[in-house]
Protein backbone atom coordinates (compact mmCIF):
# COMPACT_ATOMS: atom_id res chain seq x y z
CA UNK A 1 0.06 -0.25 -0.06
CA UNK A 2 1.37 3.30 -0.84
CA UNK A 3 0.57 6.49 0.01
CA UNK A 4 -0.52 9.34 -2.50
CA UNK A 5 1.27 12.51 -0.65
CA UNK A 6 -0.40 15.27 -3.24
CA UNK A 7 -2.64 17.71 -1.69
CA UNK A 8 -5.40 18.90 -3.01
CA UNK A 9 -6.13 22.68 -3.43
CA UNK A 10 -9.32 23.17 -3.73
CA UNK A 11 -9.81 26.13 -1.58
CA UNK A 12 -13.30 25.78 -1.47
CA UNK A 13 -13.59 22.81 0.37
CA UNK A 14 -10.23 23.47 2.48
CA UNK A 15 -10.31 22.89 5.92
CA UNK A 16 -7.35 24.12 8.28
CA UNK A 17 -4.97 21.13 7.78
CA UNK A 18 -1.80 19.78 9.78
CA UNK A 19 1.33 20.72 7.31
CA UNK A 20 3.55 17.56 7.04
CA UNK A 21 0.62 14.93 7.82
CA UNK A 22 -1.86 12.56 5.77
CA UNK A 23 -4.36 10.56 6.80
CA UNK A 24 -4.20 6.57 6.34
CA UNK A 25 -5.46 7.44 2.75
CA UNK A 26 -2.89 9.59 2.26
CA UNK A 27 -5.21 12.97 1.89
CA UNK A 28 -4.14 16.00 3.76
CA UNK A 29 -4.51 15.11 7.89
CA UNK A 30 -7.38 17.95 9.44
CA UNK A 31 -7.10 20.15 12.52
CA UNK A 32 -9.92 18.72 14.76
CA UNK A 33 -10.28 15.30 13.21
CA UNK A 34 -7.13 13.80 12.90
CA UNK A 35 -4.66 13.17 15.97
CA UNK A 36 -5.10 13.77 19.36
CA UNK A 37 -5.77 11.34 22.51
CA UNK A 38 -8.33 9.31 20.92
CA UNK A 39 -5.96 8.62 17.93
CA UNK A 40 -3.39 7.91 20.56
CA UNK A 41 -5.68 5.69 22.47
CA UNK A 42 -5.31 2.79 19.92
CA UNK A 43 -1.46 2.90 20.28
CA UNK A 44 -2.00 2.15 23.97
CA UNK A 45 -4.13 -0.62 23.39
CA UNK A 46 -2.47 -1.94 20.62
CA UNK A 47 0.70 -1.83 22.72
CA UNK A 48 -0.64 -4.22 25.40
CA UNK A 49 -1.02 -6.71 22.90
CA UNK A 50 1.92 -6.56 21.08
CA UNK A 51 4.06 -6.53 24.26
CA UNK A 52 2.39 -9.85 25.65
CA UNK A 53 2.93 -11.55 22.37
CA UNK A 54 6.78 -10.78 22.85
CA UNK A 55 6.69 -10.93 26.32
CA UNK A 56 5.24 -13.99 27.50
CA UNK A 57 7.88 -15.83 25.39
CA UNK A 58 10.57 -13.81 26.17
CA UNK A 59 10.60 -14.10 29.89
CA UNK A 60 9.60 -17.81 30.06
CA UNK A 61 12.13 -18.60 26.93
CA UNK A 62 15.22 -19.12 29.11
CA UNK A 63 13.37 -22.07 30.45
CA UNK A 64 12.23 -23.25 27.34
CA UNK A 65 15.65 -23.53 26.18
CA UNK A 66 16.72 -25.82 29.39
CA UNK A 67 13.83 -28.03 29.52
CA UNK A 68 12.72 -28.31 25.98
CA UNK A 69 16.09 -27.63 23.61
CA UNK A 70 18.55 -29.03 26.17
CA UNK A 71 20.54 -25.88 26.39
CA UNK A 72 23.17 -25.05 29.29
CA UNK A 73 22.22 -22.32 31.72
CA UNK A 74 24.89 -20.46 30.44
CA UNK A 75 24.04 -20.78 26.44
CA UNK A 76 20.25 -20.52 27.46
CA UNK A 77 21.09 -16.96 28.89
CA UNK A 78 22.95 -15.90 25.86
CA UNK A 79 20.58 -17.69 23.50
CA UNK A 80 17.63 -15.28 25.29
CA UNK A 81 19.76 -12.28 25.65
CA UNK A 82 20.98 -12.61 21.77
CA UNK A 83 17.36 -12.69 20.37
CA UNK A 84 16.15 -10.03 22.89
CA UNK A 85 19.15 -8.20 21.47
CA UNK A 86 18.27 -8.59 17.87
CA UNK A 87 14.79 -7.72 18.36
CA UNK A 88 15.50 -4.40 19.77
CA UNK A 89 18.28 -3.76 17.38
CA UNK A 90 16.21 -3.77 14.79
CA UNK A 91 14.19 -1.27 15.85
CA UNK A 92 16.31 0.89 14.15
CA UNK A 93 15.39 -0.43 11.20
CA UNK A 94 11.96 0.16 11.80
CA UNK A 95 12.72 3.97 13.15
CA UNK A 96 14.64 4.25 9.51
CA UNK A 97 12.14 2.84 7.51
CA UNK A 98 9.41 5.10 9.08
CA UNK A 99 11.24 8.56 8.70
CA UNK A 100 12.58 7.57 5.18
CA UNK A 101 10.39 5.79 3.17
CA UNK A 102 7.14 4.67 4.99
CA UNK A 103 4.81 5.80 7.38
CA UNK A 104 4.74 4.51 10.95
CA UNK A 105 0.85 3.32 9.94
CA UNK A 106 2.86 0.99 7.50
CA UNK A 107 5.74 0.22 9.22
CA UNK A 108 3.69 -1.59 12.08
CA UNK A 109 1.08 -3.46 10.03
CA UNK A 110 4.36 -4.96 8.17
CA UNK A 111 5.81 -5.65 11.32
CA UNK A 112 3.05 -7.47 13.13
CA UNK A 113 2.75 -9.53 9.76
CA UNK A 114 6.26 -11.12 10.21
CA UNK A 115 5.86 -11.21 13.98
CA UNK A 116 2.91 -13.21 13.45
CA UNK A 117 4.61 -15.68 11.02
CA UNK A 118 7.29 -16.16 13.11
CA UNK A 119 4.86 -17.09 16.31
CA UNK A 120 3.05 -19.51 13.69
CA UNK A 121 6.30 -21.44 13.22
CA UNK A 122 7.23 -21.42 16.85
CA UNK A 123 4.02 -22.47 17.87
CA UNK A 124 3.93 -25.48 15.07
CA UNK A 125 7.58 -26.52 16.59
CA UNK A 126 6.41 -26.70 20.11
CA UNK A 127 3.17 -28.42 18.97
CA UNK A 128 4.82 -31.62 17.13
CA UNK A 129 7.36 -33.19 19.21
CA UNK A 130 8.93 -34.68 16.24
CA UNK A 131 10.33 -31.11 15.53
CA UNK A 132 11.80 -30.87 18.75
CA UNK A 133 14.87 -32.86 20.60
CA UNK A 134 13.70 -36.25 22.45
CA UNK A 135 12.43 -35.43 26.42
CA UNK A 136 14.70 -36.04 28.96
CA UNK A 137 15.47 -35.76 32.14
CA UNK A 138 19.42 -34.98 33.00
CA UNK A 139 21.07 -37.49 34.97
CA UNK A 140 17.51 -39.79 35.69
CA UNK A 141 16.62 -40.28 31.49
CA UNK A 142 17.37 -43.59 29.83
CA UNK A 143 17.41 -41.17 26.53
CA UNK A 144 20.66 -39.15 26.27
CA UNK A 145 19.58 -35.33 26.59
CA UNK A 146 21.28 -33.63 23.01
CA UNK A 147 20.36 -30.25 21.89
CA UNK A 148 18.47 -29.66 18.84
CA UNK A 149 19.81 -30.76 15.60
CA UNK A 150 20.35 -29.12 12.53
CA UNK A 151 16.48 -28.87 10.98
CA UNK A 152 15.22 -28.62 14.88
CA UNK A 153 17.66 -25.59 15.16
CA UNK A 154 16.65 -24.29 12.13
CA UNK A 155 12.95 -23.77 12.68
CA UNK A 156 13.63 -22.74 16.06
CA UNK A 157 16.20 -20.06 14.95
CA UNK A 158 14.08 -19.23 11.89
CA UNK A 159 11.09 -18.56 14.06
CA UNK A 160 12.59 -16.84 16.98
CA UNK A 161 14.30 -14.07 14.65
CA UNK A 162 11.38 -13.39 12.34
CA UNK A 163 9.51 -12.84 15.85
CA UNK A 164 12.60 -10.76 16.54
CA UNK A 165 12.56 -8.60 13.14
CA UNK A 166 8.46 -7.89 13.74
CA UNK A 167 9.12 -6.52 17.43
CA UNK A 168 12.03 -4.55 15.99
CA UNK A 169 9.30 -3.18 13.57
CA UNK A 170 6.99 -2.81 15.77
CA UNK A 171 9.12 -0.43 18.55
CA UNK A 172 10.68 1.27 16.08
CA UNK A 173 7.33 2.56 14.73
CA UNK A 174 4.46 2.41 17.43
CA UNK A 175 5.59 4.86 19.89
CA UNK A 176 6.17 7.39 17.35
CA UNK A 177 3.07 6.77 16.09
CA UNK A 178 1.50 7.51 18.70
CA UNK A 179 3.27 10.67 19.99
CA UNK A 180 3.20 12.42 16.42
CA UNK A 181 -0.80 12.55 17.14
CA UNK A 182 -0.01 15.32 19.60
CA UNK A 183 0.80 19.35 18.28
CA UNK A 184 3.72 20.29 19.79
CA UNK A 185 3.31 23.38 18.98
CA UNK A 186 1.27 24.39 22.17
CA UNK A 187 1.57 23.64 25.69
CA UNK A 188 -1.25 21.24 26.22
CA UNK A 189 -0.01 19.41 23.23
CA UNK A 190 3.30 18.60 24.99
CA UNK A 191 1.81 18.14 28.12
CA UNK A 192 -0.80 15.34 26.91
CA UNK A 193 2.31 13.89 24.58
CA UNK A 194 4.68 13.55 28.02
CA UNK A 195 1.26 11.89 29.74
CA UNK A 196 1.50 9.48 26.65
CA UNK A 197 5.22 8.39 26.81
CA UNK A 198 4.00 7.88 30.63
CA UNK A 199 0.87 5.89 29.57
CA UNK A 200 2.71 4.06 26.95
CA UNK A 201 5.08 2.48 29.33
CA UNK A 202 2.34 1.59 31.46
CA UNK A 203 0.44 -0.33 28.69
CA UNK A 204 3.78 -2.10 27.67
CA UNK A 205 3.58 -3.10 31.72
CA UNK A 206 0.24 -4.42 31.30
CA UNK A 207 0.84 -6.81 28.58
CA UNK A 208 4.11 -7.75 30.23
CA UNK A 209 1.77 -8.32 33.27
CA UNK A 210 -0.36 -10.47 31.33
CA UNK A 211 2.39 -11.97 29.91
CA UNK A 212 3.93 -13.13 32.99
CA UNK A 213 1.18 -14.10 35.10
CA UNK A 214 -1.93 -15.80 32.50
CA UNK A 215 0.61 -16.82 29.57
CA UNK A 216 3.57 -17.97 31.87
CA UNK A 217 1.27 -20.45 33.79
CA UNK A 218 -0.15 -21.68 30.81
CA UNK A 219 3.29 -22.36 29.32
CA UNK A 220 4.56 -24.09 32.55
CA UNK A 221 1.02 -26.11 33.46
CA UNK A 222 -0.82 -26.71 29.93
CA UNK A 223 2.44 -26.46 27.23
CA UNK A 224 4.36 -24.55 25.65
CA UNK A 225 2.01 -24.92 22.26
CA UNK A 226 -0.24 -23.64 23.58
CA UNK A 227 1.75 -20.26 24.97
CA UNK A 228 2.80 -19.81 21.84
CA UNK A 229 -0.76 -19.95 20.27
CA UNK A 230 -2.05 -17.31 22.38
CA UNK A 231 1.03 -15.00 21.78
CA UNK A 232 0.19 -16.12 18.31
CA UNK A 233 -3.58 -14.70 18.57
CA UNK A 234 -2.60 -11.58 20.32
CA UNK A 235 -0.58 -10.10 17.81
CA UNK A 236 -3.50 -10.85 15.17
CA UNK A 237 -5.64 -9.74 17.27
CA UNK A 238 -3.82 -6.01 17.80
CA UNK A 239 -4.02 -5.88 13.81
CA UNK A 240 -7.63 -5.05 13.32
CA UNK A 241 -7.63 -3.10 16.29
CA UNK A 242 -4.64 -0.89 15.18
CA UNK A 243 -6.86 -0.80 11.85
CA UNK A 244 -9.94 0.58 14.13
CA UNK A 245 -7.79 4.03 14.50
CA UNK A 246 -7.46 4.70 10.87
CA UNK A 247 -9.59 7.03 10.40
CA UNK A 248 -8.78 9.44 13.70
CA UNK A 249 -4.92 9.43 13.11
CA UNK A 250 -2.73 11.45 11.62
CA UNK A 251 0.68 10.24 9.82
CA UNK A 252 3.52 12.19 9.09
CA UNK A 253 5.10 11.80 5.53
CA UNK A 254 8.22 10.49 4.99
CA UNK A 255 11.20 13.12 4.62
CA UNK A 256 13.82 10.88 3.20
CA UNK A 257 16.94 9.02 4.53
CA UNK A 258 18.02 10.48 7.89
CA UNK A 259 21.47 8.49 7.00
CA UNK A 260 21.78 10.09 3.32
CA UNK A 261 22.04 13.64 5.33
CA UNK A 262 24.28 12.62 7.97
CA UNK A 263 26.27 11.09 5.46
CA UNK A 264 26.45 13.86 3.52
CA UNK A 265 27.44 16.61 5.96
CA UNK A 266 29.95 14.27 7.47
CA UNK A 267 31.48 13.51 4.37
CA UNK A 268 30.97 17.27 2.94
CA UNK A 269 32.64 18.49 6.29
CA UNK A 270 35.78 16.26 5.62
CA UNK A 271 36.45 16.70 1.86
CA UNK A 272 35.62 20.67 2.19
CA UNK A 273 38.33 20.82 4.54
CA UNK A 274 40.64 18.54 3.10
CA UNK A 275 40.07 20.51 -0.42
CA UNK A 276 40.22 24.17 1.17
CA UNK A 277 43.93 23.67 2.24
CA UNK A 278 44.71 23.56 -1.44
CA UNK A 279 42.64 26.29 -2.48
CA UNK A 280 41.00 29.70 -1.20
CA UNK A 281 37.08 28.59 -0.48
CA UNK A 282 34.55 31.02 0.18
CA UNK A 283 31.49 30.59 1.49
CA UNK A 284 29.29 28.33 -0.75
CA UNK A 285 25.95 27.47 0.39
CA UNK A 286 24.20 29.20 3.02
CA UNK A 287 20.98 28.25 1.99
CA UNK A 288 18.95 27.06 4.90
CA UNK A 289 16.19 25.28 3.74
CA UNK A 290 15.24 23.11 1.05
CA UNK A 291 14.14 24.31 -2.47
CA UNK A 292 10.49 23.08 -1.74
CA UNK A 293 10.08 24.96 1.10
CA UNK A 294 7.67 28.15 1.41
CA UNK A 295 5.96 29.92 4.45
CA UNK A 296 2.37 29.08 4.90
CA UNK A 297 0.50 32.07 3.58
CA UNK A 298 -1.09 34.53 6.14
CA UNK A 299 -4.78 33.28 7.05
CA UNK A 300 -4.02 30.17 5.71
CA UNK A 301 -2.73 26.74 6.92
CA UNK A 302 -1.26 27.23 10.62
CA UNK A 303 2.56 27.40 11.54
CA UNK A 304 3.20 24.23 12.75
CA UNK A 305 5.86 23.35 15.02
CA UNK A 306 7.76 21.79 12.22
CA UNK A 307 8.08 24.81 10.51
CA UNK A 308 9.22 26.48 13.55
CA UNK A 309 11.92 23.97 14.32
CA UNK A 310 12.64 24.61 10.19
CA UNK A 311 13.16 28.53 11.45
CA UNK A 312 15.52 27.56 14.79
CA UNK A 313 17.95 25.57 12.93
CA UNK A 314 18.91 28.19 10.63
CA UNK A 315 21.03 29.78 12.60
CA UNK A 316 24.48 28.36 12.51
CA UNK A 317 25.98 27.54 15.84
CA UNK A 318 29.84 27.39 16.94
CA UNK A 319 29.48 23.14 18.52
CA UNK A 320 30.84 21.05 16.41
CA UNK A 321 32.55 23.95 14.33
CA UNK A 322 34.09 21.35 12.14
CA UNK A 323 30.80 20.11 10.66
CA UNK A 324 30.31 23.92 9.53
CA UNK A 325 32.92 23.31 6.90
CA UNK A 326 30.08 21.39 5.12
CA UNK A 327 28.35 24.54 4.50
CA UNK A 328 31.16 27.65 4.71
CA UNK A 329 33.49 25.98 2.10
CA UNK A 330 32.99 25.40 -1.57
CA UNK A 331 31.75 21.88 -2.19
CA UNK A 332 33.53 19.80 -3.80
CA UNK A 333 30.41 18.65 -5.87
CA UNK A 334 27.19 19.51 -6.25
CA UNK A 335 25.97 16.32 -4.64
CA UNK A 336 27.69 17.26 -1.12
CA UNK A 337 25.86 20.60 -1.18
CA UNK A 338 24.87 20.96 2.54
CA UNK A 339 22.21 23.37 4.26
CA UNK A 340 22.78 24.62 7.64
CA UNK A 341 19.46 23.17 8.65
CA UNK A 342 20.79 19.85 7.93
CA UNK A 343 24.47 20.66 9.24
CA UNK A 344 22.61 21.56 12.48
CA UNK A 345 20.72 18.42 12.26
CA UNK A 346 23.43 16.23 12.33
CA UNK A 347 24.42 18.42 15.38
CA UNK A 348 21.73 17.11 17.45
CA UNK A 349 22.29 14.04 16.71
CA UNK A 350 25.68 14.01 17.89
CA UNK A 351 24.75 15.55 21.18
CA UNK A 352 22.37 12.89 22.18
CA UNK A 353 24.37 10.11 21.13
CA UNK A 354 26.50 10.32 24.62
CA UNK A 355 23.13 10.01 26.65
CA UNK A 356 22.09 6.67 24.30
CA UNK A 357 25.58 5.26 25.29
CA UNK A 358 24.98 6.07 29.23
CA UNK A 359 22.04 4.17 29.51
CA UNK A 360 23.42 0.63 28.18
CA UNK A 361 25.05 -0.41 31.27
CA UNK A 362 21.50 -0.09 33.05
CA UNK A 363 20.34 -2.24 30.30
CA UNK A 364 22.70 -4.61 30.58
CA UNK A 365 21.57 -4.84 34.48
CA UNK A 366 18.17 -5.39 32.85
CA UNK A 367 18.80 -8.29 31.03
CA UNK A 368 19.76 -10.05 34.43
CA UNK A 369 15.97 -10.22 35.11
CA UNK A 370 15.31 -12.75 31.78
CA UNK A 371 18.35 -14.80 32.96
CA UNK A 372 20.15 -15.82 35.69
CA UNK A 373 17.76 -14.15 38.00
CA UNK A 374 14.90 -16.72 36.24
CA UNK A 375 17.25 -19.48 36.92
CA UNK A 376 18.12 -18.37 40.52
CA UNK A 377 14.15 -18.21 41.39
CA UNK A 378 13.98 -21.70 39.67
CA UNK A 379 16.24 -23.05 42.50
CA UNK A 380 14.23 -21.80 45.49
CA UNK A 381 10.73 -22.48 46.68
CA UNK A 382 8.40 -20.99 44.51
CA UNK A 383 5.47 -21.66 46.73
CA UNK A 384 3.00 -18.54 47.52
CA UNK A 385 0.62 -20.32 50.25
CA UNK A 386 -0.43 -24.06 48.30
CA UNK A 387 0.15 -22.27 45.18
CA UNK A 388 3.16 -23.02 42.98
CA UNK A 389 4.17 -19.53 41.35
CA UNK A 390 6.20 -20.07 37.62
CA UNK A 391 9.97 -18.55 38.07
CA UNK A 392 9.31 -16.80 34.87
CA UNK A 393 6.39 -14.74 36.37
CA UNK A 394 8.54 -12.84 38.58
CA UNK A 395 8.95 -9.96 36.37
CA UNK A 396 5.07 -9.11 37.65
CA UNK A 397 6.66 -7.24 40.66
CA UNK A 398 8.39 -4.73 38.97
CA UNK A 399 5.73 -4.27 36.22
CA UNK A 400 3.16 -3.89 39.25
CA UNK A 401 5.46 -1.19 40.87
CA UNK A 402 5.21 0.46 37.36
CA UNK A 403 1.72 0.13 36.66
CA UNK A 404 1.17 1.80 40.32
CA UNK A 405 3.88 4.62 39.82
CA UNK A 406 3.34 5.54 35.93
CA UNK A 407 -0.21 7.12 36.96
CA UNK A 408 0.97 8.51 40.07
CA UNK A 409 4.22 10.07 38.41
CA UNK A 410 1.75 11.44 35.79
CA UNK A 411 -0.83 12.48 38.06
CA UNK A 412 0.99 13.83 41.14
CA UNK A 413 4.97 14.21 41.19
CA UNK A 414 5.28 15.80 37.79
CA UNK A 415 2.14 19.03 38.28
CA UNK A 416 4.07 18.92 41.92
CA UNK A 417 7.58 19.43 40.39
CA UNK A 418 5.90 21.78 37.78
CA UNK A 419 5.31 23.76 40.14
CA UNK A 420 8.51 23.86 42.16
CA UNK A 421 10.79 23.95 39.33
CA UNK A 422 8.66 26.07 37.08
CA UNK A 423 9.81 23.78 33.83
CA UNK A 424 6.87 22.49 31.82
CA UNK A 425 8.22 19.05 32.02
CA UNK A 426 8.63 19.33 35.95
CA UNK A 427 11.55 16.93 35.75
CA UNK A 428 13.54 17.04 33.40
CA UNK A 429 14.42 14.02 30.91
CA UNK A 430 17.88 13.56 31.90
CA UNK A 431 17.13 13.90 35.60
CA UNK A 432 14.22 11.16 35.11
CA UNK A 433 17.28 8.87 33.30
CA UNK A 434 19.77 9.59 35.76
CA UNK A 435 17.33 8.62 38.77
CA UNK A 436 16.92 4.97 36.33
CA UNK A 437 20.58 4.69 36.52
CA UNK A 438 21.02 4.72 40.26
CA UNK A 439 17.93 2.66 41.11
CA UNK A 440 20.12 -0.11 38.98
CA UNK A 441 23.33 0.76 41.03
CA UNK A 442 21.46 -0.37 44.04
CA UNK A 443 19.94 -3.37 42.50
CA UNK A 444 23.10 -4.62 41.17
CA UNK A 445 24.48 -4.15 44.96
CA UNK A 446 21.42 -6.11 46.66
CA UNK A 447 20.97 -9.06 43.69
CA UNK A 448 24.30 -9.87 44.76
CA UNK A 449 23.38 -9.74 48.73
CA UNK A 450 20.62 -12.29 47.76
CA UNK A 451 22.98 -14.36 45.99
CA UNK A 452 25.67 -14.93 48.80
CA UNK A 453 22.41 -15.37 50.95
CA UNK A 454 21.38 -18.74 48.62
CA UNK A 455 24.48 -20.23 48.09
CA UNK A 456 24.72 -19.99 52.09
CA UNK A 457 21.09 -21.85 52.58
CA UNK A 458 22.28 -24.32 49.85
CA UNK A 459 25.65 -25.07 51.93
CA UNK A 460 23.79 -25.10 55.06
CA UNK A 461 21.46 -27.57 54.15
CA UNK A 462 24.16 -29.36 52.17
CA UNK A 463 22.11 -29.03 48.79
CA UNK A 464 25.15 -27.15 46.80
CA UNK A 465 24.77 -30.23 44.15
CA UNK A 466 21.26 -31.02 44.89
CA UNK A 467 18.54 -29.49 42.06
CA UNK A 468 15.92 -29.68 44.54
CA UNK A 469 14.56 -26.78 45.46
CA UNK A 470 16.61 -24.58 48.34
CA UNK A 471 14.31 -23.87 51.88
CA UNK A 472 14.54 -19.91 50.70
CA UNK A 473 11.32 -18.13 49.25
CA UNK A 474 12.01 -16.66 45.88
CA UNK A 475 10.92 -13.14 47.18
CA UNK A 476 14.40 -12.56 47.89
CA UNK A 477 14.85 -12.39 44.31
CA UNK A 478 11.76 -10.11 43.80
CA UNK A 479 13.68 -7.28 45.40
CA UNK A 480 16.18 -6.57 42.80
CA UNK A 481 12.91 -7.19 40.19
CA UNK A 482 11.38 -4.15 42.15
CA UNK A 483 14.41 -2.10 42.14
CA UNK A 484 15.34 -2.53 38.16
CA UNK A 485 11.52 -2.30 37.35
CA UNK A 486 11.54 1.10 39.18
CA UNK A 487 14.75 2.13 37.47
CA UNK A 488 13.23 0.75 33.92
CA UNK A 489 10.13 3.35 34.85
CA UNK A 490 12.30 6.02 34.78
CA UNK A 491 14.60 5.39 32.84
CA UNK A 492 12.79 3.74 29.41
CA UNK A 493 9.77 6.60 29.75
CA UNK A 494 12.63 9.55 29.78
CA UNK A 495 14.48 8.29 27.05
CA UNK A 496 11.36 7.91 24.54
CA UNK A 497 10.30 11.26 25.51
CA UNK A 498 14.16 12.64 25.28
CA UNK A 499 14.77 11.11 22.14
CA UNK A 500 11.56 12.34 20.47
CA UNK A 501 11.10 15.94 21.41
CA UNK A 502 15.35 16.76 21.16
CA UNK A 503 15.62 14.89 17.78
CA UNK A 504 15.09 16.90 14.50
CA UNK A 505 11.58 16.16 13.16
CA UNK A 506 12.99 14.41 10.28
CA UNK A 507 14.48 11.68 12.11
CA UNK A 508 12.04 11.34 15.55
CA UNK A 509 11.43 7.54 14.29
CA UNK A 510 15.15 6.57 14.22
CA UNK A 511 15.90 8.61 17.07
CA UNK A 512 13.34 7.30 19.44
CA UNK A 513 14.20 4.07 18.61
CA UNK A 514 17.78 4.45 20.32
CA UNK A 515 15.83 3.71 23.37
CA UNK A 516 15.29 0.18 22.07
CA UNK A 517 18.70 0.02 20.75
CA UNK A 518 20.26 1.03 24.37
CA UNK A 519 18.14 -2.59 25.38
CA UNK A 520 19.50 -4.37 22.36
CA UNK A 521 23.35 -3.08 23.32
CA UNK A 522 22.37 -3.77 27.03
CA UNK A 523 21.38 -7.30 26.13
CA UNK A 524 24.62 -8.32 23.83
CA UNK A 525 26.92 -6.50 26.30
CA UNK A 526 25.65 -9.08 29.12
CA UNK A 527 26.66 -11.90 26.56
CA UNK A 528 30.17 -10.53 26.04
CA UNK A 529 30.67 -9.40 29.45
CA UNK A 530 29.60 -13.20 30.38
CA UNK A 531 31.84 -14.92 28.03
CA UNK A 532 34.97 -11.77 29.07
CA UNK A 533 34.38 -12.95 32.71
CA UNK A 534 34.45 -16.90 31.89
CA UNK A 535 37.68 -16.56 29.94
CA UNK A 536 39.31 -14.22 32.64
CA UNK A 537 38.33 -16.60 35.32
CA UNK A 538 38.67 -19.65 34.17
CA UNK A 539 42.17 -21.40 34.78
CA UNK A 540 43.35 -24.94 35.73
CA UNK A 541 41.53 -27.88 37.10
CA UNK A 542 40.79 -25.94 40.19
CA UNK A 543 39.62 -23.06 38.98
CA UNK A 544 36.08 -23.28 37.17
CA UNK A 545 35.12 -19.88 35.25
CA UNK A 546 32.53 -17.66 37.36
CA UNK A 547 29.60 -18.68 35.06
CA UNK A 548 29.93 -22.04 33.61
CA UNK A 549 28.76 -25.55 34.37
CA UNK A 550 25.31 -27.36 35.15
CA UNK A 551 24.81 -26.21 38.34
CA UNK A 552 24.48 -22.51 39.49
CA UNK A 553 24.93 -23.22 42.63
CA UNK A 554 28.57 -23.42 41.65
CA UNK A 555 28.70 -20.11 40.30
CA UNK A 556 30.18 -17.05 41.33
CA UNK A 557 26.82 -15.24 40.33
CA UNK A 558 27.19 -12.73 43.39
CA UNK A 559 30.87 -11.64 42.11
CA UNK A 560 29.29 -11.29 38.69
CA UNK A 561 26.36 -8.87 40.23
CA UNK A 562 29.28 -6.85 42.08
CA UNK A 563 31.28 -6.15 38.52
CA UNK A 564 27.89 -4.77 37.20
CA UNK A 565 27.34 -2.49 40.01
CA UNK A 566 31.13 -1.26 39.52
CA UNK A 567 30.51 -0.66 35.99
CA UNK A 568 27.08 0.94 36.94
CA UNK A 569 28.25 3.08 39.46
CA UNK A 570 31.09 4.74 36.81
CA UNK A 571 28.59 4.61 33.92
CA UNK A 572 26.51 6.82 36.57
CA UNK A 573 29.17 9.35 36.57
CA UNK A 574 29.41 9.26 32.97
CA UNK A 575 25.77 10.32 32.74
CA UNK A 576 26.14 12.92 35.20
CA UNK A 577 28.92 14.61 33.29
CA UNK A 578 26.99 14.65 29.80
CA UNK A 579 23.84 15.83 31.27
CA UNK A 580 25.08 18.70 33.22
CA UNK A 581 26.50 19.87 29.71
CA UNK A 582 23.50 18.91 27.78
CA UNK A 583 21.57 22.30 26.49
CA UNK A 584 17.84 21.34 25.77
CA UNK A 585 16.44 22.99 22.30
CA UNK A 586 12.89 21.27 22.92
CA UNK A 587 10.60 24.11 24.44
CA UNK A 588 8.81 21.66 27.16
CA UNK A 589 12.22 21.27 28.51
CA UNK A 590 13.41 24.60 29.18
CA UNK A 591 12.50 26.59 32.23
C-alpha cells in the first residue's frame, strides 16, 4: 500500500490542515479530526497486546531453552539475550524506514505480519514433538539429552528471529506513531504527549503483566504450544485494533533517509576541509532550507511546530564547528551541497549519542532479569501458600510497581514538580534517566547480597549439588526485580520522550528507536561480559569459570553482580558529566 502524498488545492472545501501529515488514505490530515488522545489510545491498546505476545515468550524463553532444547544454563542465557538484543536493535531499522520511506502506520502493519509468521512457526514446532529434541531428564533418563539438530535448530531460530524482526519494526514505529498525534506547538499538546509516553510504558507493563502471569502459567502447566498460540492470537488481534484507529490518526509524511543527510554532512565537512588547504574557498551555500520550502500564507494553514523547528535550525551554531565546513566552504561536488539546517540536524544527533551510550549499562543489568535471575528463582521455593508460582512470573513485581508508579508520577509528582521548578516537564528528561541509573546500581548491589544468602542456605542444608528447591523463598529475588523495574520506568519513559522531543522532526522515529537500541546493546553486552568473565576466570583444574557448568550453585554469580554494580556506578558518573553539559532545544524542557 503506497500513499498518494499530493495535497488537493480546492480552496473552497479546504479545512485547516496539519502541515506535513496525511490520513491513512494519503489525503491531508485535518485539524480537529485527525490526531489527539483518541488516535493515540488505539496505540496504547495495541501496545498491551503486542508486548504481551513478545514478553510472554521472552520472559520464560530461558526455561524453554533449558528444559525442551536442552541447552546449558549459560548457553540458554546467551540465546535469550541474543534474541532480545536482535529484536531491539532491529527497532533502528523500523525507525529508519518510518522516517525515510514509509509511514509509521505502514511499518507497524508490516512488522505485525512478520511477527505473526514467526510465532506460527514456533507454535508448530512446540506442538509437534518430532520437530523437537527428545524429552529427557538430565542424569535420570535412559534417553541421552541432546541439543536441537540441524533442522530443529533451523526451525527454532527462524521462528525466533522472524519474531525479533517483527518486534523490532513495531518498537521502531509504534511509540512515534502515538506521539505524533499531539500538537507540539502548544503547551497543552506537549503535556498530553508527555502523558502519552508515561501511559505507553504503563500499557507496555500491562501487556507484560498478562504475559508473566496468565501466559507463563499456561506455558508451564498446559504446554508451550498453548503459550505460543496465545501470543500468536494476541498479535493477530492487534492488527484490527490498530486499523480501528485509522480514521482518527494522522501520519507524518516520510522526509527521506536521515542517514543520507548525516553521511552527506560528515563527508562534506571532511572533503571540503581537505580541499580548502589547497585552494581558497568562500562561503558556498548559505541556503537554510530545502528549495521546496515556502512559508504558509497569512490566514491559511496554521504554522506548525515543524516550521518553527526549521526556523530555529537556520542559525549556524559554534558547537561541532568542524561540521560548519560542510556549508561554509565550497563543496567538492554538487552532491555534497549542504544547508545550515542539515548541518544543525546532524549536530543534534551527535549531542544525544552520549546520552544514549550512558543508558547501556543499565540495560545490561535489566538483561539479568530474563536470564540468571530466572534461574536463581527456579532453584528456590516458589510456593505462595499452596500455589506454585512459575519462576518466569517474577517480572510481575517490577511490572506492578511500574503500573502503580506511572499514574502517580504523571498525576501527582509531575504537577508538583512543575510548580516547584517552573519547568513544563517538571523533572527534566535527563534527571529522570539519571534516577533510573541510580536505582540500577542499588539493584545490582542488592542482587549480589541476595545471591550470597541463597548460596549460604544451599551450603547450610548440604544442597549445593542438589537440584531440589532450596528452603528459601523466591521473594528475596523479588527485591532486585522491584528495584530494576522502578529503574526501567524512569529510564525508558525518559529516553523515549527525550529522543523524540530533542531529535529533528525528520529523524524522530530513528532517534526514538535509540531507546530500544540501548536495550539491544545492553543485552548483547551482557553476553559479551559473561564470555569475558568466563575466559578471564577460567584456569586449571581447580579454578572453574565464574559462570559455567550445569549447576547454578557452583557459579560465582554474586561476584558477577558486584562487577555490574561497579560498572553501573562508573556509568552514572559518565551520565552526570554529559547531562550537566547538555542544552535542551525542545520548548517544554526549558525553564
